[in-house]
Amino acid sequence: MTPKLHIAFNSHNLLFQHVNGYHEKDMLVFHETISHDEKGLEDITGVENYLAAKGYGIHGMVDSEGNVAWAKTLGKAIFWQCEGVNERSEGIELVSFIPSQYKTNLARRNHWNERIKQLDTAAKLAACIHRAHPHIPLVYSKGITPGITTHWNVTKALNIAGGHTDCFPVNEGGYFPLLNVIELAKKYYKEGWHF
């Protein structure tokens, strides 16, 4: 029996009204919520409701406990989540206070390295997304080519003035261990993880 990812919160009904069309995806973008961790699903549902109230949406979310929110059946939905690549990308928010609490990339990196359960679950989610949408390869993308990237990468690649800097990857001089997440995602894909 292949391992199945547990979805703790199906955000379909909350986000359906914020779909801006549908399109095949070839990119996965990681974001940080810049919000505090809460026990249970409150950190996820709070952010999901906030985004929906603003007309935004996100395909998935993972908190520090490894809880997952996913907008079931909306994998091809276009949400306003990452300027410049909304049409072609799925987005995953990672509940994290790290960018607002720690000023140096070293301190931020150290705190991300402590969030093993969250990173592990994010990798499982990426593997499941790749299985459901094989046009999203499990490779690093600098924000232009198909693959897995971050909001920081897209902002830099598309030269978006005033853009976001969340999930600045370690391999680009930042703090978020994106390459580690991608390697774990490849492992989980081989193990058969799915929605």
Protein backbone atom coordinates (compact mmCIF):
# COMPACT_ATOMS: atom_id res chain seq x y z
CA MET A 1 0.00 0.00 0.00
CA THR A 2 1.42 3.37 -1.00
CA PRO A 3 1.59 6.20 1.55
CA LYS A 4 -1.15 8.84 1.34
CA LEU A 5 -0.70 12.41 2.56
CA HIS A 6 -3.24 13.40 5.22
CA ILE A 7 -5.08 16.62 4.38
CA ALA A 8 -6.12 18.21 7.69
CA PHE A 9 -8.06 21.08 6.09
CA ASN A 10 -9.68 21.08 2.65
CA SER A 11 -9.69 24.74 1.61
CA HIS A 12 -11.69 24.14 -1.61
CA ASN A 13 -14.93 25.74 -0.42
CA LEU A 14 -13.15 28.74 1.05
CA LEU A 15 -11.07 29.43 -2.06
CA PHE A 16 -13.36 28.39 -4.91
CA GLN A 17 -14.79 31.90 -5.27
CA HIS A 18 -11.25 33.29 -5.72
CA VAL A 19 -10.33 31.14 -8.71
CA ASN A 20 -9.25 33.27 -11.68
CA GLY A 21 -9.47 30.58 -14.34
CA TYR A 22 -7.58 27.34 -14.81
CA HIS A 23 -4.27 26.49 -16.44
CA GLU A 24 -1.79 23.63 -16.61
CA LYS A 25 1.02 24.10 -14.07
CA ASP A 26 4.77 23.64 -14.48
CA MET A 27 6.03 25.42 -11.36
CA LEU A 28 5.66 25.13 -7.59
CA VAL A 29 6.30 28.26 -5.52
CA PHE A 30 7.07 28.23 -1.79
CA HIS A 31 5.98 31.18 0.37
CA GLU A 32 6.18 32.09 4.08
CA THR A 33 3.13 33.42 5.89
CA ILE A 34 5.09 35.70 8.26
CA SER A 35 2.79 34.64 11.09
CA HIS A 36 3.17 32.78 14.35
CA ASP A 37 2.69 29.10 14.95
CA GLU A 38 -0.45 28.03 16.79
CA LYS A 39 -1.42 24.60 18.07
CA GLY A 40 -3.69 22.64 15.78
CA LEU A 41 -5.12 24.20 12.64
CA GLU A 42 -5.64 27.77 13.89
CA ASP A 43 -2.46 29.03 12.22
CA ILE A 44 -3.55 27.54 8.89
CA THR A 45 -7.24 28.51 8.98
CA GLY A 46 -6.39 32.03 10.18
CA VAL A 47 -4.11 32.66 7.20
CA GLU A 48 -6.48 30.94 4.75
CA ASN A 49 -9.36 33.16 5.89
CA TYR A 50 -7.18 36.29 5.76
CA LEU A 51 -6.05 35.54 2.19
CA ALA A 52 -9.61 34.76 1.07
CA ALA A 53 -10.90 38.03 2.59
CA LYS A 54 -8.34 39.90 0.45
CA GLY A 55 -9.28 38.01 -2.73
CA TYR A 56 -6.12 35.91 -2.73
CA GLY A 57 -5.74 32.17 -2.61
CA ILE A 58 -3.09 29.51 -2.18
CA HIS A 59 -3.19 25.88 -3.25
CA GLY A 60 -1.65 24.49 -0.09
CA MET A 61 -0.26 25.28 3.33
CA VAL A 62 1.91 23.45 5.88
CA ASP A 63 2.42 24.42 9.52
CA SER A 64 5.22 23.54 11.94
CA GLU A 65 3.31 20.52 13.27
CA GLY A 66 3.05 19.07 9.77
CA ASN A 67 -0.64 19.85 9.29
CA VAL A 68 -1.58 20.29 5.64
CA ALA A 69 -4.26 22.40 4.00
CA TRP A 70 -5.02 21.67 0.36
CA ALA A 71 -7.61 23.06 -2.04
CA LYS A 72 -8.85 19.71 -3.33
CA THR A 73 -9.70 19.61 -7.06
CA LEU A 74 -8.22 23.11 -7.53
CA GLY A 75 -4.67 22.12 -8.52
CA LYS A 76 -5.03 23.83 -11.90
CA ALA A 77 -6.77 26.89 -10.43
CA ILE A 78 -5.18 30.29 -10.91
CA PHE A 79 -4.91 32.14 -7.60
CA TRP A 80 -3.31 35.54 -7.01
CA GLN A 81 -0.35 34.17 -5.04
CA CYS A 82 2.84 35.04 -6.94
CA GLU A 83 2.99 37.97 -9.34
CA GLY A 84 4.32 37.03 -12.74
CA VAL A 85 3.70 33.27 -12.50
CA ASN A 86 0.15 32.96 -11.14
CA GLU A 87 -1.11 31.21 -14.27
CA ARG A 88 1.60 28.55 -14.42
CA SER A 89 2.28 27.90 -10.73
CA GLU A 90 0.85 26.22 -7.67
CA GLY A 91 1.65 27.89 -4.35
CA ILE A 92 2.45 26.48 -0.94
CA GLU A 93 2.47 28.72 2.13
CA LEU A 94 4.69 27.64 5.01
CA VAL A 95 3.50 29.01 8.34
CA SER A 96 6.57 30.83 9.63
CA PHE A 97 7.39 33.83 11.77
CA ILE A 98 11.09 33.52 10.92
CA PRO A 99 11.60 36.49 8.52
CA SER A 100 10.00 38.94 10.94
CA GLN A 101 11.74 37.60 14.07
CA TYR A 102 15.31 37.02 12.91
CA LYS A 103 17.34 39.58 11.05
CA THR A 104 20.29 37.62 9.66
CA ASN A 105 20.18 34.85 7.10
CA LEU A 106 22.27 32.67 9.44
CA ALA A 107 19.74 33.01 12.28
CA ARG A 108 16.87 32.38 9.87
CA ARG A 109 18.64 29.32 8.42
CA ASN A 110 19.24 27.90 11.90
CA HIS A 111 15.56 28.23 12.77
CA TRP A 112 14.42 26.65 9.51
CA ASN A 113 16.76 23.72 10.15
CA GLU A 114 14.90 23.12 13.45
CA ARG A 115 11.54 22.85 11.66
CA ILE A 116 12.15 19.27 10.49
CA LYS A 117 8.51 18.13 10.58
CA GLN A 118 7.34 21.10 8.53
CA LEU A 119 10.06 20.72 5.91
CA ASP A 120 9.49 16.97 5.73
CA THR A 121 5.75 17.44 5.19
CA ALA A 122 6.37 20.18 2.61
CA ALA A 123 8.54 17.70 0.69
CA LYS A 124 5.77 15.07 0.85
CA LEU A 125 3.30 17.66 -0.44
CA ALA A 126 5.67 18.54 -3.31
CA ALA A 127 5.96 14.83 -4.19
CA CYS A 128 2.16 14.51 -4.22
CA ILE A 129 1.83 17.60 -6.39
CA HIS A 130 4.36 16.21 -8.87
CA ARG A 131 2.45 12.91 -8.99
CA ALA A 132 -0.83 14.76 -9.69
CA HIS A 133 0.77 17.33 -12.02
CA PRO A 134 3.80 15.72 -13.68
CA HIS A 135 4.53 18.89 -15.66
CA ILE A 136 5.92 20.29 -12.37
CA PRO A 137 9.33 18.60 -12.20
CA LEU A 138 11.12 17.96 -8.91
CA VAL A 139 14.05 20.18 -9.87
CA TYR A 140 15.29 23.57 -8.73
CA SER A 141 13.99 26.56 -10.68
CA LYS A 142 15.35 30.09 -10.43
CA GLY A 143 11.83 31.38 -11.05
CA ILE A 144 11.58 31.14 -14.84
CA THR A 145 11.95 27.49 -15.87
CA PRO A 146 9.65 24.64 -14.79
CA GLY A 147 10.38 23.23 -11.36
CA ILE A 148 10.28 24.15 -7.68
CA THR A 149 11.09 27.70 -6.68
CA THR A 150 10.33 30.39 -4.11
CA HIS A 151 8.67 33.78 -4.05
CA TRP A 152 12.15 35.30 -3.64
CA ASN A 153 13.34 33.57 -6.83
CA VAL A 154 10.37 34.78 -8.88
CA THR A 155 10.73 38.36 -7.63
CA LYS A 156 14.42 38.37 -8.57
CA ALA A 157 14.03 36.57 -11.91
CA LEU A 158 11.24 38.85 -13.10
CA ASN A 159 12.75 42.00 -11.54
CA ILE A 160 9.50 42.83 -9.72
CA ALA A 161 9.85 46.15 -7.93
CA GLY A 162 8.79 45.88 -4.30
CA GLY A 163 8.34 42.13 -4.69
CA HIS A 164 8.45 39.50 -2.00
CA THR A 165 11.57 37.99 -0.48
CA ASP A 166 10.12 35.02 1.40
CA CYS A 167 11.86 31.63 1.25
CA PHE A 168 15.20 33.13 0.09
CA PRO A 169 17.07 29.87 -0.77
CA VAL A 170 20.31 28.90 0.96
CA ASN A 171 21.90 28.06 -2.40
CA GLU A 172 21.34 31.68 -3.50
CA GLY A 173 22.88 33.09 -0.31
CA GLY A 174 19.72 33.08 1.79
CA TYR A 175 18.22 30.96 4.55
CA PHE A 176 15.52 28.59 3.24
CA PRO A 177 16.73 24.98 2.60
CA LEU A 178 14.93 24.57 -0.72
CA LEU A 179 17.40 22.10 -2.25
CA ASN A 180 16.99 19.83 0.79
CA VAL A 181 13.20 19.94 0.38
CA ILE A 182 13.53 19.04 -3.31
CA GLU A 183 15.81 16.08 -2.53
CA LEU A 184 13.34 14.83 0.08
CA ALA A 185 10.48 15.28 -2.40
CA LYS A 186 12.29 13.03 -4.90
CA LYS A 187 12.67 10.38 -2.19
CA TYR A 188 8.99 10.57 -1.24
CA TYR A 189 7.91 10.46 -4.86
CA LYS A 190 9.86 7.22 -5.32
CA GLU A 191 8.17 5.85 -2.20
CA GLY A 192 4.79 6.47 -3.86
CA TRP A 193 3.37 9.35 -1.77
CA HIS A 194 0.09 10.66 -3.19
CA PHE A 195 -3.04 12.66 -2.29
